Amino acid sequence: MIDTHCHIDLYPKPMDIVNASERLGLITIGMTNLPSHFEMGLPHILGFKKVRLALGLHPLLATQHSKELPLFYKNINKTSYIGEVGLDFSREGFQTKQLQLNSFKNVLEAVSDKNKILSIHSRRAEKEVFNLLKEYKIKNAIFHWYSGAIKLIDQIANNGYFFSINPEMVKSENGRKIILRIPKELLLTESDGPYIQYENKIIVPKDIIAVIDYLSVLYNEDRKAVEERIDSNFKRLIDKIK
């Protein structure tokens, strides 16, 4: 199994998550919300085969971006993964809209000529994010927990971008509609832990089995077939940055 979006550093005991993923052979991409968090976490995961750390600049922390951007540039060549980055124009993030736009453009400009995979936050800003990805000619992106317009999914997919889905999405009617619209070959799995509760506990990467089981029913395929497709999708994305 593959968890393409997990905030390992935000768990009470981050190394428990790292060790469990390694033991289970579960590829886990750890998001960070700021470059300073990336710097703190990177030394702890360098010896692991299944866990990687992404360099992030979360839109909801936009007021801290001006002092963090130099650290973003400093660390950009230490990882193939960029995340969590993007825009958030919800009520929670709208006040910092312009700061977010400036930061996201800086991020996209910095990675536009590099082989990176971006994990994208796009709440209430899906169209703006998509247009900027195209403007800066970003080749490899994953729309994490997409919640925007159904019709826009087609345009995003036609551009070759992926979508990562989590157990929370399968529980809502809108989430299920979104999953149904996403092409099978562009689907990936995520936990978004520890932000989600699963079976009355904080979610952990292995709980993405709930997504696998849901897709198995949706596509009328056995679990192994679904897992193999997700694995194939991820390998195809990785091959694009080699």
C-alpha atoms as a PDB file:
ATOM      1  CA  MET A   1       0.000   0.000   0.000  1.00  0.00           C
ATOM      2  CA  ILE A   2       1.002   3.602  -0.553  1.00  0.00           C
ATOM      3  CA  ASP A   3       0.237   6.667   1.555  1.00  0.00           C
ATOM      4  CA  THR A   4       1.090   9.679  -0.572  1.00  0.00           C
ATOM      5  CA  HIS A   5       0.054  12.303   1.983  1.00  0.00           C
ATOM      6  CA  CYS A   6       0.659  11.883   5.716  1.00  0.00           C
ATOM      7  CA  HIS A   7       1.773  14.489   8.251  1.00  0.00           C
ATOM      8  CA  ILE A   8       4.138  12.196  10.134  1.00  0.00           C
ATOM      9  CA  ASP A   9       5.662  15.016  12.161  1.00  0.00           C
ATOM     10  CA  LEU A  10       2.293  15.978  13.661  1.00  0.00           C
ATOM     11  CA  TYR A  11       1.687  12.636  15.390  1.00  0.00           C
ATOM     12  CA  PRO A  12       2.412  12.431  19.129  1.00  0.00           C
ATOM     13  CA  LYS A  13       5.137   9.855  18.379  1.00  0.00           C
ATOM     14  CA  PRO A  14       6.276  10.376  14.779  1.00  0.00           C
ATOM     15  CA  MET A  15       8.859   7.597  14.813  1.00  0.00           C
ATOM     16  CA  ASP A  16       6.152   5.065  15.669  1.00  0.00           C
ATOM     17  CA  ILE A  17       4.535   5.932  12.324  1.00  0.00           C
ATOM     18  CA  VAL A  18       7.858   5.731  10.491  1.00  0.00           C
ATOM     19  CA  ASN A  19       8.774   2.383  12.024  1.00  0.00           C
ATOM     20  CA  ALA A  20       5.328   0.912  11.352  1.00  0.00           C
ATOM     21  CA  SER A  21       5.426   1.952   7.697  1.00  0.00           C
ATOM     22  CA  GLU A  22       8.884   0.462   7.292  1.00  0.00           C
ATOM     23  CA  ARG A  23       7.879  -2.778   9.009  1.00  0.00           C
ATOM     24  CA  LEU A  24       4.746  -3.132   6.873  1.00  0.00           C
ATOM     25  CA  GLY A  25       6.501  -2.212   3.639  1.00  0.00           C
ATOM     26  CA  LEU A  26       4.073   0.693   3.260  1.00  0.00           C
ATOM     27  CA  ILE A  27       5.437   3.571   1.203  1.00  0.00           C
ATOM     28  CA  THR A  28       4.673   6.748   3.142  1.00  0.00           C
ATOM     29  CA  ILE A  29       5.333  10.289   1.966  1.00  0.00           C
ATOM     30  CA  GLY A  30       5.517  12.635   4.933  1.00  0.00           C
ATOM     31  CA  MET A  31       4.206  16.127   4.285  1.00  0.00           C
ATOM     32  CA  THR A  32       5.587  19.148   6.105  1.00  0.00           C
ATOM     33  CA  ASN A  33       3.827  22.454   6.620  1.00  0.00           C
ATOM     34  CA  LEU A  34       6.949  24.616   6.697  1.00  0.00           C
ATOM     35  CA  PRO A  35      10.543  24.222   5.489  1.00  0.00           C
ATOM     36  CA  SER A  36      11.815  24.545   9.066  1.00  0.00           C
ATOM     37  CA  HIS A  37       9.763  21.441   9.914  1.00  0.00           C
ATOM     38  CA  PHE A  38      11.342  19.641   6.953  1.00  0.00           C
ATOM     39  CA  GLU A  39      14.811  20.503   8.239  1.00  0.00           C
ATOM     40  CA  MET A  40      13.979  19.128  11.675  1.00  0.00           C
ATOM     41  CA  GLY A  41      12.476  15.920  10.356  1.00  0.00           C
ATOM     42  CA  LEU A  42      14.805  14.935   7.543  1.00  0.00           C
ATOM     43  CA  PRO A  43      17.684  13.557   9.641  1.00  0.00           C
ATOM     44  CA  HIS A  44      15.287  11.161  11.389  1.00  0.00           C
ATOM     45  CA  ILE A  45      14.092   9.391   8.228  1.00  0.00           C
ATOM     46  CA  LEU A  46      17.221   9.255   6.063  1.00  0.00           C
ATOM     47  CA  GLY A  47      17.954   5.634   6.952  1.00  0.00           C
ATOM     48  CA  PHE A  48      14.530   4.321   5.950  1.00  0.00           C
ATOM     49  CA  LYS A  49      13.623   2.769   2.596  1.00  0.00           C
ATOM     50  CA  LYS A  50       9.852   3.202   2.619  1.00  0.00           C
ATOM     51  CA  VAL A  51       9.500   6.684   4.104  1.00  0.00           C
ATOM     52  CA  ARG A  52      10.240   9.966   2.357  1.00  0.00           C
ATOM     53  CA  LEU A  53       9.815  13.559   3.493  1.00  0.00           C
ATOM     54  CA  ALA A  54       8.273  16.342   1.396  1.00  0.00           C
ATOM     55  CA  LEU A  55       9.241  20.006   1.552  1.00  0.00           C
ATOM     56  CA  GLY A  56       6.160  22.062   2.301  1.00  0.00           C
ATOM     57  CA  LEU A  57       4.802  25.587   2.575  1.00  0.00           C
ATOM     58  CA  HIS A  58       1.207  25.214   3.722  1.00  0.00           C
ATOM     59  CA  PRO A  59      -1.175  27.948   2.526  1.00  0.00           C
ATOM     60  CA  LEU A  60      -2.831  28.320   5.933  1.00  0.00           C
ATOM     61  CA  LEU A  61       0.535  29.326   7.392  1.00  0.00           C
ATOM     62  CA  ALA A  62       1.027  32.109   4.849  1.00  0.00           C
ATOM     63  CA  THR A  63       1.926  34.724   7.469  1.00  0.00           C
ATOM     64  CA  GLN A  64       5.094  32.724   8.174  1.00  0.00           C
ATOM     65  CA  HIS A  65       6.092  32.248   4.552  1.00  0.00           C
ATOM     66  CA  SER A  66       8.265  35.340   4.155  1.00  0.00           C
ATOM     67  CA  LYS A  67      10.763  34.103   6.729  1.00  0.00           C
ATOM     68  CA  GLU A  68      10.445  30.476   5.611  1.00  0.00           C
ATOM     69  CA  LEU A  69      10.955  30.952   1.848  1.00  0.00           C
ATOM     70  CA  PRO A  70      14.769  31.130   2.104  1.00  0.00           C
ATOM     71  CA  LEU A  71      14.683  27.732   3.844  1.00  0.00           C
ATOM     72  CA  PHE A  72      12.493  26.393   1.048  1.00  0.00           C
ATOM     73  CA  TYR A  73      15.075  27.377  -1.544  1.00  0.00           C
ATOM     74  CA  LYS A  74      17.886  26.018   0.628  1.00  0.00           C
ATOM     75  CA  ASN A  75      16.316  22.565   0.936  1.00  0.00           C
ATOM     76  CA  ILE A  76      14.725  22.153  -2.476  1.00  0.00           C
ATOM     77  CA  ASN A  77      17.350  19.736  -3.770  1.00  0.00           C
ATOM     78  CA  LYS A  78      17.156  17.443  -0.731  1.00  0.00           C
ATOM     79  CA  THR A  79      13.903  15.740  -1.758  1.00  0.00           C
ATOM     80  CA  SER A  80      11.893  14.754  -4.812  1.00  0.00           C
ATOM     81  CA  TYR A  81       8.623  15.601  -3.035  1.00  0.00           C
ATOM     82  CA  ILE A  82       7.104  19.051  -2.522  1.00  0.00           C
ATOM     83  CA  GLY A  83       4.160  19.311  -0.158  1.00  0.00           C
ATOM     84  CA  GLU A  84       1.978  20.387   1.309  1.00  0.00           C
ATOM     85  CA  VAL A  85       1.719  23.421  -0.962  1.00  0.00           C
ATOM     86  CA  GLY A  86      -1.114  25.227  -2.711  1.00  0.00           C
ATOM     87  CA  LEU A  87      -3.936  27.655  -1.987  1.00  0.00           C
ATOM     88  CA  ASP A  88      -6.823  27.819   0.483  1.00  0.00           C
ATOM     89  CA  PHE A  89      -9.560  30.343  -0.216  1.00  0.00           C
ATOM     90  CA  SER A  90     -11.988  28.959   2.351  1.00  0.00           C
ATOM     91  CA  ARG A  91     -13.185  31.136   5.210  1.00  0.00           C
ATOM     92  CA  GLU A  92     -10.154  29.963   7.175  1.00  0.00           C
ATOM     93  CA  GLY A  93      -7.643  31.106   4.588  1.00  0.00           C
ATOM     94  CA  PHE A  94      -9.289  33.910   2.639  1.00  0.00           C
ATOM     95  CA  GLN A  95      -7.703  36.744   4.625  1.00  0.00           C
ATOM     96  CA  THR A  96      -4.241  35.709   3.426  1.00  0.00           C
ATOM     97  CA  LYS A  97      -5.245  35.127  -0.195  1.00  0.00           C
ATOM     98  CA  GLN A  98      -2.648  37.454  -1.721  1.00  0.00           C
ATOM     99  CA  LEU A  99       0.144  36.176   0.523  1.00  0.00           C
ATOM    100  CA  GLN A 100      -0.752  32.640  -0.499  1.00  0.00           C
ATOM    101  CA  LEU A 101      -0.728  33.508  -4.188  1.00  0.00           C
ATOM    102  CA  ASN A 102       2.689  35.156  -3.914  1.00  0.00           C
ATOM    103  CA  SER A 103       4.147  32.197  -2.043  1.00  0.00           C
ATOM    104  CA  PHE A 104       2.647  29.561  -4.310  1.00  0.00           C
ATOM    105  CA  LYS A 105       3.979  31.334  -7.393  1.00  0.00           C
ATOM    106  CA  ASN A 106       7.427  31.438  -5.782  1.00  0.00           C
ATOM    107  CA  VAL A 107       7.203  27.704  -5.106  1.00  0.00           C
ATOM    108  CA  LEU A 108       6.075  26.896  -8.645  1.00  0.00           C
ATOM    109  CA  GLU A 109       8.773  29.052 -10.185  1.00  0.00           C
ATOM    110  CA  ALA A 110      11.403  27.365  -8.027  1.00  0.00           C
ATOM    111  CA  VAL A 111      10.367  23.837  -9.040  1.00  0.00           C
ATOM    112  CA  SER A 112       9.283  24.461 -12.633  1.00  0.00           C
ATOM    113  CA  ASP A 113      12.611  23.296 -14.065  1.00  0.00           C
ATOM    114  CA  LYS A 114      13.119  20.445 -11.607  1.00  0.00           C
ATOM    115  CA  ASN A 115      11.890  16.846 -11.479  1.00  0.00           C
ATOM    116  CA  LYS A 116       9.582  17.027  -8.467  1.00  0.00           C
ATOM    117  CA  ILE A 117       6.220  15.617  -7.412  1.00  0.00           C
ATOM    118  CA  LEU A 118       3.894  18.147  -5.789  1.00  0.00           C
ATOM    119  CA  SER A 119       1.155  17.307  -3.285  1.00  0.00           C
ATOM    120  CA  ILE A 120      -1.423  20.038  -3.700  1.00  0.00           C
ATOM    121  CA  HIS A 121      -3.844  21.707  -1.277  1.00  0.00           C
ATOM    122  CA  SER A 122      -6.633  23.402  -3.253  1.00  0.00           C
ATOM    123  CA  ARG A 123      -9.632  23.961  -0.983  1.00  0.00           C
ATOM    124  CA  ARG A 124     -12.038  26.510  -2.539  1.00  0.00           C
ATOM    125  CA  ALA A 125      -9.217  27.464  -4.939  1.00  0.00           C
ATOM    126  CA  GLU A 126      -9.169  24.478  -7.263  1.00  0.00           C
ATOM    127  CA  LYS A 127      -9.413  26.420 -10.519  1.00  0.00           C
ATOM    128  CA  GLU A 128      -6.788  28.959  -9.463  1.00  0.00           C
ATOM    129  CA  VAL A 129      -4.398  26.181  -8.453  1.00  0.00           C
ATOM    130  CA  PHE A 130      -4.954  24.284 -11.691  1.00  0.00           C
ATOM    131  CA  ASN A 131      -4.372  27.379 -13.837  1.00  0.00           C
ATOM    132  CA  LEU A 132      -1.149  28.194 -12.004  1.00  0.00           C
ATOM    133  CA  LEU A 133       0.144  24.638 -12.383  1.00  0.00           C
ATOM    134  CA  LYS A 134      -0.409  24.953 -16.121  1.00  0.00           C
ATOM    135  CA  GLU A 135       1.065  28.456 -16.282  1.00  0.00           C
ATOM    136  CA  TYR A 136       4.304  27.298 -14.639  1.00  0.00           C
ATOM    137  CA  LYS A 137       4.323  24.099 -16.715  1.00  0.00           C
ATOM    138  CA  ILE A 138       4.291  21.781 -13.695  1.00  0.00           C
ATOM    139  CA  LYS A 139       4.330  18.212 -14.966  1.00  0.00           C
ATOM    140  CA  ASN A 140       3.802  16.132 -11.824  1.00  0.00           C
ATOM    141  CA  ALA A 141       1.168  16.984  -9.238  1.00  0.00           C
ATOM    142  CA  ILE A 142      -1.222  15.163  -6.928  1.00  0.00           C
ATOM    143  CA  PHE A 143      -4.440  16.919  -5.928  1.00  0.00           C
ATOM    144  CA  HIS A 144      -4.724  15.902  -2.268  1.00  0.00           C
ATOM    145  CA  TRP A 145      -8.290  15.469  -0.907  1.00  0.00           C
ATOM    146  CA  TYR A 146      -9.871  17.238  -3.873  1.00  0.00           C
ATOM    147  CA  SER A 147     -13.242  18.776  -2.958  1.00  0.00           C
ATOM    148  CA  GLY A 148     -13.962  21.105  -5.863  1.00  0.00           C
ATOM    149  CA  ALA A 149     -16.238  21.048  -8.883  1.00  0.00           C
ATOM    150  CA  ILE A 150     -16.879  17.665 -10.460  1.00  0.00           C
ATOM    151  CA  LYS A 151     -16.475  19.025 -14.001  1.00  0.00           C
ATOM    152  CA  LEU A 152     -13.018  20.431 -13.256  1.00  0.00           C
ATOM    153  CA  ILE A 153     -11.789  16.908 -12.513  1.00  0.00           C
ATOM    154  CA  ASP A 154     -11.893  16.152 -16.237  1.00  0.00           C
ATOM    155  CA  GLN A 155      -9.628  19.091 -17.066  1.00  0.00           C
ATOM    156  CA  ILE A 156      -7.203  18.229 -14.286  1.00  0.00           C
ATOM    157  CA  ALA A 157      -7.091  14.611 -15.431  1.00  0.00           C
ATOM    158  CA  ASN A 158      -6.588  15.605 -19.063  1.00  0.00           C
ATOM    159  CA  ASN A 159      -3.479  17.439 -17.922  1.00  0.00           C
ATOM    160  CA  GLY A 160      -2.135  14.213 -16.423  1.00  0.00           C
ATOM    161  CA  TYR A 161      -2.375  15.214 -12.764  1.00  0.00           C
ATOM    162  CA  PHE A 162      -3.203  12.631 -10.092  1.00  0.00           C
ATOM    163  CA  PHE A 163      -5.667  12.615  -7.195  1.00  0.00           C
ATOM    164  CA  SER A 164      -5.072  11.104  -3.742  1.00  0.00           C
ATOM    165  CA  ILE A 165      -8.128   9.918  -1.826  1.00  0.00           C
ATOM    166  CA  ASN A 166      -8.540   9.054   1.846  1.00  0.00           C
ATOM    167  CA  PRO A 167     -11.011   7.156   4.064  1.00  0.00           C
ATOM    168  CA  GLU A 168     -12.882  10.354   4.951  1.00  0.00           C
ATOM    169  CA  MET A 169     -13.786  10.922   1.296  1.00  0.00           C
ATOM    170  CA  VAL A 170     -15.459   7.542   0.950  1.00  0.00           C
ATOM    171  CA  LYS A 171     -17.789   8.427   3.852  1.00  0.00           C
ATOM    172  CA  SER A 172     -19.420  11.448   2.194  1.00  0.00           C
ATOM    173  CA  GLU A 173     -21.750  11.586  -0.793  1.00  0.00           C
ATOM    174  CA  ASN A 174     -19.737  14.337  -2.453  1.00  0.00           C
ATOM    175  CA  GLY A 175     -16.491  12.490  -1.833  1.00  0.00           C
ATOM    176  CA  ARG A 176     -17.882   9.363  -3.469  1.00  0.00           C
ATOM    177  CA  LYS A 177     -19.054  11.383  -6.500  1.00  0.00           C
ATOM    178  CA  ILE A 178     -15.555  12.801  -6.852  1.00  0.00           C
ATOM    179  CA  ILE A 179     -13.931   9.369  -6.598  1.00  0.00           C
ATOM    180  CA  LEU A 180     -16.272   8.003  -9.241  1.00  0.00           C
ATOM    181  CA  ARG A 181     -15.279  10.775 -11.673  1.00  0.00           C
ATOM    182  CA  ILE A 182     -11.510  10.308 -11.268  1.00  0.00           C
ATOM    183  CA  PRO A 183      -9.956   8.039 -13.925  1.00  0.00           C
ATOM    184  CA  LYS A 184      -8.676   4.803 -12.417  1.00  0.00           C
ATOM    185  CA  GLU A 185      -5.194   5.369 -13.810  1.00  0.00           C
ATOM    186  CA  LEU A 186      -4.868   8.682 -11.919  1.00  0.00           C
ATOM    187  CA  LEU A 187      -5.950   7.469  -8.474  1.00  0.00           C
ATOM    188  CA  LEU A 188      -3.613   7.305  -5.492  1.00  0.00           C
ATOM    189  CA  THR A 189      -4.261   6.730  -1.785  1.00  0.00           C
ATOM    190  CA  GLU A 190      -3.554   8.879   1.247  1.00  0.00           C
ATOM    191  CA  SER A 191      -4.320   8.995   4.954  1.00  0.00           C
ATOM    192  CA  ASP A 192      -3.867  12.733   5.631  1.00  0.00           C
ATOM    193  CA  GLY A 193      -3.064  11.639   9.150  1.00  0.00           C
ATOM    194  CA  PRO A 194      -3.356  12.750  11.852  1.00  0.00           C
ATOM    195  CA  TYR A 195      -6.119  15.112  10.662  1.00  0.00           C
ATOM    196  CA  ILE A 196      -8.649  12.298  10.157  1.00  0.00           C
ATOM    197  CA  GLN A 197     -10.364   9.971  12.610  1.00  0.00           C
ATOM    198  CA  TYR A 198     -10.801   6.358  11.524  1.00  0.00           C
ATOM    199  CA  GLU A 199     -12.832   3.927  13.611  1.00  0.00           C
ATOM    200  CA  ASN A 200     -12.772   6.410  16.515  1.00  0.00           C
ATOM    201  CA  LYS A 201      -8.967   6.662  16.480  1.00  0.00           C
ATOM    202  CA  ILE A 202      -6.445   8.934  14.830  1.00  0.00           C
ATOM    203  CA  ILE A 203      -5.833   7.513  11.379  1.00  0.00           C
ATOM    204  CA  VAL A 204      -2.498   5.866  10.547  1.00  0.00           C
ATOM    205  CA  PRO A 205      -1.113   4.976   7.117  1.00  0.00           C
ATOM    206  CA  LYS A 206      -2.235   1.339   7.163  1.00  0.00           C
ATOM    207  CA  ASP A 207      -5.857   2.513   7.490  1.00  0.00           C
ATOM    208  CA  ILE A 208      -5.891   3.403   3.796  1.00  0.00           C
ATOM    209  CA  ILE A 209      -7.015  -0.214   3.411  1.00  0.00           C
ATOM    210  CA  ALA A 210     -10.489   1.318   3.838  1.00  0.00           C
ATOM    211  CA  VAL A 211     -10.000   3.114   0.516  1.00  0.00           C
ATOM    212  CA  ILE A 212      -8.754  -0.067  -1.134  1.00  0.00           C
ATOM    213  CA  ASP A 213     -11.801  -1.962   0.101  1.00  0.00           C
ATOM    214  CA  TYR A 214     -14.145   0.780  -1.117  1.00  0.00           C
ATOM    215  CA  LEU A 215     -12.557   0.797  -4.586  1.00  0.00           C
ATOM    216  CA  SER A 216     -12.742  -2.982  -4.680  1.00  0.00           C
ATOM    217  CA  VAL A 217     -16.527  -2.785  -4.320  1.00  0.00           C
ATOM    218  CA  LEU A 218     -16.854   0.220  -6.629  1.00  0.00           C
ATOM    219  CA  TYR A 219     -14.912  -1.422  -9.457  1.00  0.00           C
ATOM    220  CA  ASN A 220     -16.065  -4.978  -8.713  1.00  0.00           C
ATOM    221  CA  GLU A 221     -12.453  -6.109  -8.419  1.00  0.00           C
ATOM    222  CA  ASP A 222     -10.620  -8.003  -5.726  1.00  0.00           C
ATOM    223  CA  ARG A 223      -8.424  -6.132  -3.288  1.00  0.00           C
ATOM    224  CA  LYS A 224      -5.204  -7.333  -4.910  1.00  0.00           C
ATOM    225  CA  ALA A 225      -6.211  -5.914  -8.301  1.00  0.00           C
ATOM    226  CA  VAL A 226      -6.929  -2.512  -6.757  1.00  0.00           C
ATOM    227  CA  GLU A 227      -3.644  -2.506  -4.829  1.00  0.00           C
ATOM    228  CA  GLU A 228      -1.743  -3.433  -7.982  1.00  0.00           C
ATOM    229  CA  ARG A 229      -3.349  -0.563  -9.904  1.00  0.00           C
ATOM    230  CA  ILE A 230      -2.500   1.972  -7.199  1.00  0.00           C
ATOM    231  CA  ASP A 231       1.047   0.626  -7.127  1.00  0.00           C
ATOM    232  CA  SER A 232       1.268   0.874 -10.918  1.00  0.00           C
ATOM    233  CA  ASN A 233      -0.052   4.435 -10.854  1.00  0.00           C
ATOM    234  CA  PHE A 234       2.520   5.476  -8.275  1.00  0.00           C
ATOM    235  CA  LYS A 235       5.375   3.810 -10.149  1.00  0.00           C
ATOM    236  CA  ARG A 236       4.318   5.571 -13.339  1.00  0.00           C
ATOM    237  CA  LEU A 237       4.428   8.896 -11.492  1.00  0.00           C
ATOM    238  CA  ILE A 238       7.843   8.104 -10.013  1.00  0.00           C
ATOM    239  CA  ASP A 239       9.172   7.134 -13.440  1.00  0.00           C
ATOM    240  CA  LYS A 240       8.298  10.599 -14.696  1.00  0.00           C
ATOM    241  CA  ILE A 241      10.855  12.239 -12.377  1.00  0.00           C
ATOM    242  CA  LYS A 242      13.700   9.791 -12.941  1.00  0.00           C
END
